[in-house]
Amino acid sequence: MRYLVTFLILLALGIGGYLFLPPHNSSISTNLYSNENIVSDLSNEIDSPISIKKLRSKVIESDLYKIEEKLSNGSNYERYIVSYKSEGEKVYALLTIPFESKPEGGFPAIIFNHGYIPPKNYSTTGNYASYVDYLARNGFVVFKIDMRGHGKSEGLATGSYFSSTYTIDLISALKSLQKSDVVNPERIGVWGHSMSGNLVLRSMLVNEDIKAGVIWAGAVFSYEDFGKYRISDSSYMARPSIQVASHPNRDTNPEIQKLREDSKNINFSSDYWKAISLTQNINYLKSPIQIHHAVDDYVVNVGYSRDLEKVLKDSLKNYEYFEYSSGGHNISGFNFTQAMERTVEFFKKNL
């Protein structure tokens, strides 16, 4: 009899426990992730190639760049095509070196990162020629990367927003430049346009050897902002190829496709989005950053930069923010000169 009573009690407890379990419902699961303690505990377990913590723990190295070709000189600087290794892939770059005598410790350097350009249309010396020339004429070593899959660079063009490839290319370039006897390894900054605004900020969160960053018309800093503003360029007109989508550096989490198709129903406070968001990891930003955006930019909405500026301000970060009434996506016309002057002044002050 005693055993029967015990059995009935256990059975009642088991049924009662089952009855009081919440039904399987996605909205309940989402709400659970809003608990800050749970997010904190789970964020370390996110296995994403673009997780900020995962990238910070990744060992990225590269040897000194190799000169591939001597080009004609600029007005007061030498030009070379060089190459370096990034995850074993050969990446090409345009290198400029001032004619003037090398200062003690070496020249300050800027790693220059191009925006989205269809890889088949990309040119090492053609694209961004006026931007590179302006920086080079002002006494900086400029290292303009041909991201993987662009120009002669090996590998696949996997994008910046959902892949770590370009971040690794940038940090590999940093490691390569730090081995150069013409560059001061403590005075290296980064410049990025459009897609590479995302790349610049991500790299600054990952590697604190980057001493200053400048973003022109940058995009996708929180992923929630992508849901709000989208981007009007051909990189979002079609799904990536199977080869690109299956690349180990590219995040394949189904939440990303949901971002494209149903962003209004995403909980951006979940552990996954917190792990990959740049703005939610802004505590890792240690170096000053400068932002430029034209309000008539019809490719990348100025809202991206305004939202980032608010985060930087609320987080008490060292930053400068400039808006322009015209100039479009490239901040062209008379505002180009002012934006470049501010860029040069910022780099001279912080490198």
Protein backbone atom coordinates (compact mmCIF):
# COMPACT_ATOMS: atom_id res chain seq x y z
CA MET A 1 0.00 0.00 0.00
CA ARG A 2 2.84 2.39 0.93
CA TYR A 3 4.46 1.84 -2.50
CA LEU A 4 1.16 2.48 -4.26
CA VAL A 5 0.75 5.81 -2.44
CA THR A 6 4.30 6.81 -3.34
CA PHE A 7 3.69 5.91 -6.99
CA LEU A 8 0.49 7.96 -7.10
CA ILE A 9 2.25 11.00 -5.57
CA LEU A 10 5.10 10.82 -8.10
CA LEU A 11 2.64 10.38 -10.93
CA ALA A 12 0.69 13.44 -9.80
CA LEU A 13 3.83 15.52 -9.57
CA GLY A 14 4.92 14.45 -13.03
CA ILE A 15 1.55 15.24 -14.59
CA GLY A 16 1.33 18.52 -12.68
CA GLY A 17 4.79 19.51 -13.86
CA TYR A 18 3.83 18.76 -17.46
CA LEU A 19 0.57 20.67 -17.18
CA PHE A 20 2.33 23.80 -15.94
CA LEU A 21 5.02 23.79 -18.60
CA PRO A 22 4.44 26.61 -21.12
CA PRO A 23 3.38 25.47 -24.59
CA HIS A 24 6.05 25.49 -27.31
CA ASN A 25 5.67 28.99 -28.71
CA SER A 26 8.27 31.08 -30.53
CA SER A 27 7.16 34.31 -28.87
CA ILE A 28 7.70 32.82 -25.42
CA SER A 29 11.17 31.63 -26.43
CA THR A 30 11.98 35.09 -27.72
CA ASN A 31 10.83 36.71 -24.50
CA LEU A 32 13.07 34.42 -22.49
CA TYR A 33 16.08 35.77 -24.34
CA SER A 34 15.23 39.29 -23.25
CA ASN A 35 16.42 38.41 -19.75
CA GLU A 36 19.78 40.17 -19.44
CA ASN A 37 21.34 37.44 -17.30
CA ILE A 38 20.44 34.75 -19.81
CA VAL A 39 21.81 36.84 -22.68
CA SER A 40 25.05 37.38 -20.81
CA ASP A 41 25.47 33.67 -20.10
CA LEU A 42 24.57 32.50 -23.60
CA SER A 43 26.49 35.11 -25.62
CA ASN A 44 29.74 33.22 -25.08
CA GLU A 45 28.22 30.16 -26.77
CA ILE A 46 27.30 31.80 -30.08
CA ASP A 47 29.22 30.00 -32.81
CA SER A 48 29.20 32.64 -35.53
CA PRO A 49 32.18 33.61 -37.70
CA ILE A 50 31.17 37.26 -37.25
CA SER A 51 30.76 37.11 -33.47
CA ILE A 52 32.83 39.94 -32.01
CA LYS A 53 34.09 37.79 -29.14
CA LYS A 54 35.03 34.96 -31.50
CA LEU A 55 36.93 37.32 -33.80
CA ARG A 56 38.73 38.87 -30.82
CA SER A 57 39.93 35.41 -29.79
CA LYS A 58 41.08 34.49 -33.31
CA VAL A 59 44.83 34.57 -34.00
CA ILE A 60 45.38 36.56 -37.22
CA GLU A 61 48.91 37.00 -38.59
CA SER A 62 50.62 37.93 -41.84
CA ASP A 63 54.16 38.35 -43.10
CA LEU A 64 55.59 41.58 -44.52
CA TYR A 65 53.99 42.49 -47.85
CA LYS A 66 55.81 41.65 -51.08
CA ILE A 67 56.35 44.26 -53.82
CA GLU A 68 54.87 42.94 -57.06
CA GLU A 69 55.20 45.97 -59.34
CA LYS A 70 56.56 49.51 -59.27
CA LEU A 71 54.05 52.01 -60.67
CA SER A 72 54.51 55.58 -61.85
CA ASN A 73 54.98 58.06 -59.01
CA GLY A 74 52.30 60.35 -57.64
CA SER A 75 52.93 64.05 -57.08
CA ASN A 76 55.03 63.52 -53.95
CA TYR A 77 54.89 59.80 -53.31
CA GLU A 78 55.88 56.42 -54.74
CA ARG A 79 53.29 53.84 -55.81
CA TYR A 80 53.55 50.07 -55.77
CA ILE A 81 51.36 47.03 -56.28
CA VAL A 82 52.07 44.71 -53.37
CA SER A 83 50.66 41.47 -52.00
CA TYR A 84 50.29 39.88 -48.58
CA LYS A 85 48.71 36.72 -47.19
CA SER A 86 45.33 36.51 -45.47
CA GLU A 87 44.38 33.04 -44.24
CA GLY A 88 46.79 31.68 -46.86
CA GLU A 89 45.11 33.57 -49.72
CA LYS A 90 47.15 36.08 -51.71
CA VAL A 91 45.64 39.54 -51.39
CA TYR A 92 46.80 42.49 -53.48
CA ALA A 93 46.98 46.12 -52.48
CA LEU A 94 48.03 49.54 -53.74
CA LEU A 95 50.81 50.98 -51.57
CA THR A 96 51.92 54.62 -51.51
CA ILE A 97 55.04 55.88 -49.69
CA PRO A 98 55.91 59.61 -49.30
CA PHE A 99 59.08 60.95 -50.94
CA GLU A 100 60.00 62.88 -47.80
CA SER A 101 62.47 61.55 -45.26
CA LYS A 102 61.02 58.92 -42.98
CA PRO A 103 60.22 60.35 -39.54
CA GLU A 104 61.62 58.70 -36.44
CA GLY A 105 59.69 55.50 -35.87
CA GLY A 106 58.22 55.46 -39.39
CA PHE A 107 55.35 57.06 -41.30
CA PRO A 108 51.76 57.00 -40.08
CA ALA A 109 49.73 54.66 -42.28
CA ILE A 110 46.11 54.32 -43.38
CA ILE A 111 44.59 51.01 -44.43
CA PHE A 112 42.10 52.03 -47.13
CA ASN A 113 39.00 49.84 -47.59
CA HIS A 114 36.76 50.07 -50.65
CA GLY A 115 32.98 49.92 -50.61
CA TYR A 116 30.83 47.46 -52.51
CA ILE A 117 31.87 47.22 -56.16
CA PRO A 118 30.96 44.21 -58.31
CA PRO A 119 34.23 42.23 -58.26
CA LYS A 120 34.39 42.03 -62.06
CA ASN A 121 34.28 45.85 -62.23
CA TYR A 122 36.88 46.50 -59.54
CA SER A 123 40.19 48.20 -60.39
CA THR A 124 43.20 48.44 -58.05
CA THR A 125 44.40 51.77 -59.40
CA GLY A 126 41.15 53.09 -60.88
CA ASN A 127 38.62 52.98 -58.07
CA TYR A 128 39.02 55.65 -55.36
CA ALA A 129 42.04 57.17 -57.11
CA SER A 130 41.26 60.73 -55.93
CA TYR A 131 40.69 59.60 -52.34
CA VAL A 132 43.99 57.72 -52.18
CA ASP A 133 45.84 60.58 -53.84
CA TYR A 134 44.51 63.11 -51.32
CA LEU A 135 45.66 61.03 -48.35
CA ALA A 136 49.00 60.13 -49.92
CA ARG A 137 49.80 63.79 -50.74
CA ASN A 138 49.37 64.62 -47.06
CA GLY A 139 52.23 62.46 -45.85
CA PHE A 140 50.56 59.14 -45.07
CA VAL A 141 51.51 55.68 -46.23
CA VAL A 142 48.31 54.42 -47.84
CA PHE A 143 47.58 50.70 -48.13
CA LYS A 144 44.48 50.21 -50.31
CA ILE A 145 43.32 46.61 -50.06
CA ASP A 146 41.80 44.64 -52.93
CA MET A 147 39.48 42.49 -50.80
CA ARG A 148 39.48 38.80 -51.58
CA GLY A 149 37.86 38.08 -54.93
CA HIS A 150 38.53 41.62 -56.22
CA GLY A 151 41.14 42.43 -58.85
CA LYS A 152 43.85 39.76 -58.72
CA SER A 153 43.24 38.88 -55.07
CA GLU A 154 42.65 35.18 -54.48
CA GLY A 155 39.58 33.75 -52.77
CA LEU A 156 35.90 34.58 -52.82
CA ALA A 157 34.19 37.94 -52.44
CA THR A 158 31.97 36.97 -49.49
CA GLY A 159 30.87 40.45 -48.39
CA SER A 160 31.32 42.31 -45.13
CA TYR A 161 27.97 42.29 -43.31
CA PHE A 162 27.58 38.52 -42.86
CA SER A 163 31.13 37.25 -43.34
CA SER A 164 34.41 37.65 -41.45
CA THR A 165 36.58 37.37 -44.58
CA TYR A 166 37.13 41.09 -45.15
CA THR A 167 37.70 41.71 -41.43
CA ILE A 168 40.45 39.11 -41.53
CA ASP A 169 41.85 40.69 -44.71
CA LEU A 170 42.01 44.08 -42.98
CA ILE A 171 43.65 42.78 -39.80
CA SER A 172 46.10 40.71 -41.86
CA ALA A 173 47.00 43.94 -43.70
CA LEU A 174 47.55 45.59 -40.32
CA LYS A 175 49.89 42.79 -39.26
CA SER A 176 51.76 43.01 -42.56
CA LEU A 177 52.18 46.80 -42.34
CA GLN A 178 53.42 46.55 -38.76
CA LYS A 179 56.42 44.60 -40.09
CA SER A 180 57.39 47.32 -42.58
CA ASP A 181 60.46 49.43 -41.80
CA VAL A 182 58.79 52.51 -43.35
CA VAL A 183 55.65 52.38 -41.17
CA ASN A 184 55.29 53.22 -37.51
CA PRO A 185 53.45 50.15 -36.11
CA GLU A 186 51.87 52.31 -33.41
CA ARG A 187 50.42 54.83 -35.87
CA ILE A 188 48.10 52.87 -38.17
CA GLY A 189 44.50 53.90 -38.88
CA VAL A 190 41.70 52.69 -41.15
CA TRP A 191 39.40 54.37 -43.68
CA GLY A 192 36.28 52.78 -45.13
CA HIS A 193 33.41 53.69 -47.44
CA SER A 194 29.87 52.30 -47.57
CA MET A 195 30.11 48.52 -46.96
CA SER A 196 33.51 49.08 -45.40
CA GLY A 197 32.03 51.37 -42.79
CA ASN A 198 30.81 48.14 -41.23
CA LEU A 199 34.25 46.63 -41.79
CA VAL A 200 36.10 49.55 -40.18
CA LEU A 201 34.05 49.52 -37.00
CA ARG A 202 34.11 45.72 -36.70
CA SER A 203 37.90 45.68 -37.09
CA MET A 204 38.32 48.41 -34.48
CA LEU A 205 36.27 46.34 -32.02
CA VAL A 206 38.41 43.29 -32.76
CA ASN A 207 41.93 44.76 -32.80
CA GLU A 208 43.00 47.65 -30.59
CA ASP A 209 46.22 48.24 -32.57
CA ILE A 210 44.05 50.32 -34.94
CA LYS A 211 44.57 53.82 -33.57
CA ALA A 212 41.89 55.76 -35.49
CA GLY A 213 39.08 55.10 -37.94
CA VAL A 214 37.17 57.16 -40.50
CA ILE A 215 33.87 56.07 -42.06
CA TRP A 216 32.25 57.65 -45.12
CA ALA A 217 28.60 56.76 -45.79
CA GLY A 218 28.84 53.58 -43.74
CA ALA A 219 26.15 50.94 -43.30
CA VAL A 220 24.94 48.12 -41.01
CA PHE A 221 26.20 48.68 -37.49
CA SER A 222 23.42 47.06 -35.47
CA TYR A 223 21.61 44.83 -38.05
CA GLU A 224 18.42 46.31 -36.68
CA ASP A 225 19.36 49.37 -38.73
CA PHE A 226 19.50 47.20 -41.85
CA GLY A 227 15.92 46.16 -41.13
CA LYS A 228 14.95 49.84 -40.97
CA TYR A 229 16.92 51.35 -43.84
CA ARG A 230 17.99 48.56 -46.22
CA ILE A 231 20.63 49.31 -48.86
CA SER A 232 20.13 50.30 -52.49
CA ASP A 233 22.98 48.49 -54.21
CA SER A 234 23.18 45.34 -56.30
CA SER A 235 24.80 43.33 -53.51
CA TYR A 236 21.28 42.86 -52.07
CA MET A 237 19.39 42.14 -55.27
CA ALA A 238 20.02 38.40 -55.14
CA ARG A 239 20.91 35.65 -52.70
CA PRO A 240 24.61 34.75 -52.52
CA SER A 241 25.88 31.89 -54.67
CA ILE A 242 26.03 28.43 -53.12
CA GLN A 243 29.83 28.71 -53.09
CA VAL A 244 29.75 32.00 -51.18
CA ALA A 245 26.91 30.97 -48.88
CA SER A 246 28.77 27.81 -47.82
CA HIS A 247 32.09 29.59 -47.16
CA PRO A 248 33.29 28.88 -43.59
CA ASN A 249 33.70 32.60 -42.90
CA ARG A 250 30.07 33.35 -43.76
CA ASP A 251 27.32 33.17 -41.14
CA THR A 252 24.53 30.83 -42.26
CA ASN A 253 22.20 31.33 -39.28
CA PRO A 254 18.56 31.34 -40.51
CA GLU A 255 18.05 34.60 -38.62
CA ILE A 256 20.00 36.33 -41.38
CA GLN A 257 17.53 35.33 -44.07
CA LYS A 258 14.80 36.40 -41.68
CA LEU A 259 16.52 39.79 -41.53
CA ARG A 260 16.08 40.11 -45.28
CA GLU A 261 12.47 38.92 -45.37
CA ASP A 262 10.79 39.53 -42.00
CA SER A 263 12.93 41.91 -39.94
CA LYS A 264 9.94 43.36 -38.07
CA ASN A 265 9.51 40.07 -36.20
CA ILE A 266 13.13 39.70 -35.07
CA ASN A 267 14.11 40.11 -31.44
CA PHE A 268 17.38 42.03 -31.76
CA SER A 269 17.97 41.65 -28.02
CA SER A 270 18.50 37.90 -28.39
CA ASP A 271 21.90 36.44 -27.58
CA TYR A 272 22.61 35.77 -31.27
CA TRP A 273 22.08 39.36 -32.46
CA LYS A 274 23.88 40.77 -29.42
CA ALA A 275 26.92 38.62 -30.25
CA ILE A 276 27.28 39.91 -33.82
CA SER A 277 26.00 43.49 -33.47
CA LEU A 278 28.68 46.16 -33.63
CA THR A 279 26.80 48.72 -31.58
CA GLN A 280 25.96 46.22 -28.84
CA ASN A 281 29.69 45.50 -28.52
CA ILE A 282 30.72 49.16 -28.64
CA ASN A 283 32.40 48.80 -25.25
CA TYR A 284 35.36 47.28 -27.13
CA LEU A 285 35.95 50.51 -29.06
CA LYS A 286 39.05 52.16 -27.61
CA SER A 287 40.25 54.42 -30.44
CA PRO A 288 38.67 57.62 -31.83
CA ILE A 289 36.38 57.43 -34.84
CA GLN A 290 35.11 60.00 -37.34
CA ILE A 291 31.90 59.68 -39.41
CA HIS A 292 30.83 61.48 -42.61
CA HIS A 293 27.49 61.19 -44.41
CA ALA A 294 25.52 63.22 -46.95
CA VAL A 295 21.80 63.54 -46.32
CA ASP A 296 21.07 63.04 -50.03
CA ASP A 297 22.76 59.63 -50.07
CA TYR A 298 20.26 57.39 -51.89
CA VAL A 299 22.38 54.23 -51.61
CA VAL A 300 23.01 54.18 -47.85
CA ASN A 301 20.47 56.06 -45.76
CA VAL A 302 21.93 58.73 -43.48
CA GLY A 303 19.93 57.08 -40.69
CA TYR A 304 22.68 54.45 -40.39
CA SER A 305 25.21 57.10 -39.34
CA ARG A 306 22.74 59.00 -37.17
CA ASP A 307 21.93 55.84 -35.22
CA LEU A 308 25.62 55.05 -34.80
CA GLU A 309 26.33 58.60 -33.65
CA LYS A 310 23.70 58.25 -30.94
CA VAL A 311 25.29 55.03 -29.66
CA LEU A 312 28.74 56.62 -29.64
CA LYS A 313 27.40 59.65 -27.79
CA ASP A 314 25.48 57.60 -25.21
CA SER A 315 28.55 55.40 -24.67
CA LEU A 316 30.82 58.43 -24.15
CA LYS A 317 33.13 57.40 -26.99
CA ASN A 318 35.68 59.68 -28.67
CA TYR A 319 34.14 60.54 -32.04
CA GLU A 320 33.42 63.26 -34.58
CA TYR A 321 30.31 63.34 -36.75
CA PHE A 322 29.69 65.39 -39.91
CA GLU A 323 26.65 65.62 -42.17
CA TYR A 324 26.62 67.23 -45.61
CA SER A 325 23.63 68.71 -47.39
CA SER A 326 24.76 67.25 -50.72
CA GLY A 327 27.35 64.98 -52.24
CA GLY A 328 25.44 61.73 -52.53
CA HIS A 329 26.90 58.37 -51.65
CA ASN A 330 30.48 59.35 -52.50
CA ILE A 331 30.27 62.83 -50.91
CA SER A 332 31.34 64.30 -54.23
CA GLY A 333 31.40 67.88 -55.49
CA PHE A 334 32.45 70.78 -53.26
CA ASN A 335 31.75 68.76 -50.08
CA PHE A 336 34.40 66.20 -51.10
CA THR A 337 37.23 68.64 -50.34
CA GLN A 338 35.83 69.59 -46.95
CA ALA A 339 35.28 65.95 -45.99
CA MET A 340 38.83 65.05 -47.07
CA GLU A 341 40.30 68.00 -45.16
CA ARG A 342 38.50 66.88 -42.03
CA THR A 343 39.66 63.31 -42.61
CA VAL A 344 43.30 64.35 -42.97
CA GLU A 345 43.12 66.61 -39.91
CA PHE A 346 41.60 63.78 -37.86
CA PHE A 347 44.28 61.28 -38.89
CA LYS A 348 47.08 63.77 -38.24
CA LYS A 349 45.70 64.42 -34.78
CA ASN A 350 45.21 60.78 -33.84
CA LEU A 351 48.01 58.87 -35.62
